[in-house]
Protein backbone atom coordinates (compact mmCIF):
# COMPACT_ATOMS: atom_id res chain seq x y z
CA MET A 1 13.68 30.03 -49.14
CA ARG A 2 13.77 28.53 -46.03
CA ASN A 3 12.35 30.68 -43.42
CA SER A 4 16.01 29.68 -40.93
CA LYS A 5 13.78 31.28 -37.74
CA PHE A 6 10.92 28.06 -38.27
CA TRP A 7 13.81 25.63 -38.97
CA ARG A 8 15.94 26.82 -35.92
CA SER A 9 12.61 26.68 -33.34
CA PRO A 10 12.82 24.48 -30.54
CA ARG A 11 12.63 20.56 -31.32
CA ILE A 12 11.57 17.34 -29.57
CA PRO A 13 14.62 15.57 -28.71
CA LYS A 14 15.30 12.60 -30.15
CA ARG A 15 14.82 10.17 -27.17
CA PHE A 16 11.25 10.69 -28.03
CA ILE A 17 10.44 9.18 -31.06
CA PRO A 18 9.07 5.93 -29.48
CA TYR A 19 6.31 8.00 -27.90
CA LEU A 20 5.96 10.65 -30.50
CA PHE A 21 5.55 8.40 -33.35
CA PRO A 22 2.42 6.24 -32.20
CA LEU A 23 1.06 9.69 -31.01
CA LEU A 24 1.42 11.30 -34.67
CA LEU A 25 0.31 7.70 -35.98
CA SER A 26 -2.79 7.11 -33.96
CA GLY A 27 -3.88 10.78 -34.15
CA PHE A 28 -3.67 11.09 -38.22
CA MET A 29 -5.27 7.02 -38.56
CA THR A 30 -8.12 7.74 -35.78
CA LEU A 31 -8.87 10.88 -37.72
CA ILE A 32 -9.16 9.60 -40.60
CA ILE A 33 -11.21 6.52 -39.82
CA THR A 34 -13.82 8.18 -37.65
CA GLY A 35 -14.82 10.84 -40.61
CA ILE A 36 -14.73 7.79 -43.24
CA SER A 37 -17.33 5.70 -40.80
CA ILE A 38 -19.30 8.80 -39.30
CA PHE A 39 -19.74 10.39 -43.40
CA LYS A 40 -21.25 6.44 -44.08
CA VAL A 41 -23.28 5.79 -40.94
CA LEU A 42 -24.89 9.91 -41.98
CA GLY A 43 -24.70 9.47 -45.71
CA ILE A 44 -24.24 12.25 -47.65
CA ASP A 45 -27.45 13.89 -48.02
CA THR A 46 -27.17 14.44 -43.84
CA VAL A 47 -23.59 15.54 -44.25
CA ILE A 48 -24.56 18.24 -46.28
CA ALA A 49 -27.89 19.25 -44.71
CA ASN A 50 -26.51 19.73 -41.52
CA PRO A 51 -22.13 19.64 -41.61
CA MET A 52 -22.01 20.80 -37.40
CA LYS A 53 -23.73 17.46 -36.93
CA PHE A 54 -21.45 15.41 -38.60
CA PHE A 55 -17.90 17.47 -37.22
CA GLN A 56 -19.92 17.33 -33.73
CA LEU A 57 -20.11 13.11 -34.27
CA TRP A 58 -16.96 13.39 -36.20
CA LEU A 59 -14.64 15.30 -33.00
CA ASN A 60 -16.48 13.25 -30.42
CA ALA A 61 -15.55 9.42 -31.98
CA TYR A 62 -12.02 10.74 -32.75
CA ILE A 63 -11.31 11.71 -29.39
CA SER A 64 -13.01 8.51 -28.19
CA ALA A 65 -11.02 6.33 -30.31
CA TRP A 66 -8.05 8.22 -30.05
CA LEU A 67 -7.78 7.18 -26.53
CA ILE A 68 -7.71 4.25 -27.28
CA ALA A 69 -5.60 4.50 -30.09
CA TYR A 70 -2.18 5.70 -28.84
CA PRO A 71 -1.79 3.30 -25.81
CA VAL A 72 -2.36 0.29 -27.90
CA LEU A 73 0.17 1.51 -30.50
CA LEU A 74 2.24 1.79 -27.65
CA LEU A 75 2.18 -1.89 -26.85
CA VAL A 76 1.83 -3.34 -30.01
CA ILE A 77 4.26 -1.97 -32.24
CA PRO A 78 7.11 -3.26 -30.22
CA VAL A 79 5.43 -6.74 -30.96
CA VAL A 80 5.16 -5.62 -34.49
CA ARG A 81 8.65 -4.73 -34.95
CA ARG A 82 9.48 -8.25 -33.82
CA LEU A 83 7.11 -10.21 -36.28
CA VAL A 84 8.49 -7.88 -38.87
CA ASN A 85 11.97 -8.54 -37.64
CA TRP A 86 10.89 -12.33 -37.79
CA LEU A 87 9.42 -12.57 -41.34
CA THR A 88 12.31 -10.64 -42.65
CA GLU A 89 15.73 -11.64 -43.29
CA GLY A 90 18.93 -8.97 -43.43
CA ASP A 91 19.42 -6.57 -40.66
CA THR A 92 16.51 -6.01 -37.67
CA LEU A 93 14.99 -2.79 -37.30
CA SER A 94 15.92 -0.87 -34.80
CA ARG A 95 14.32 -0.64 -31.27
């Protein structure tokens, strides 16, 4: 059963979707990609022997990558949306 108090909590207005979507997308993507990259660079032996080093490097790489990824997505999403509309038939994607 749903907790009615949780579902009635204040939410972000829909007008912020163009900024919230790239924020979340860039956050998840950079978290996953930097984690995989750091893991590959260090190797499993180093990660097991020194997990704090892994997480420290991962966090540093994540912050740097996210600071670039979010503004890039803000610029690229409209271009990609137009490209997808051009490549497909039927109704266009909403802006």
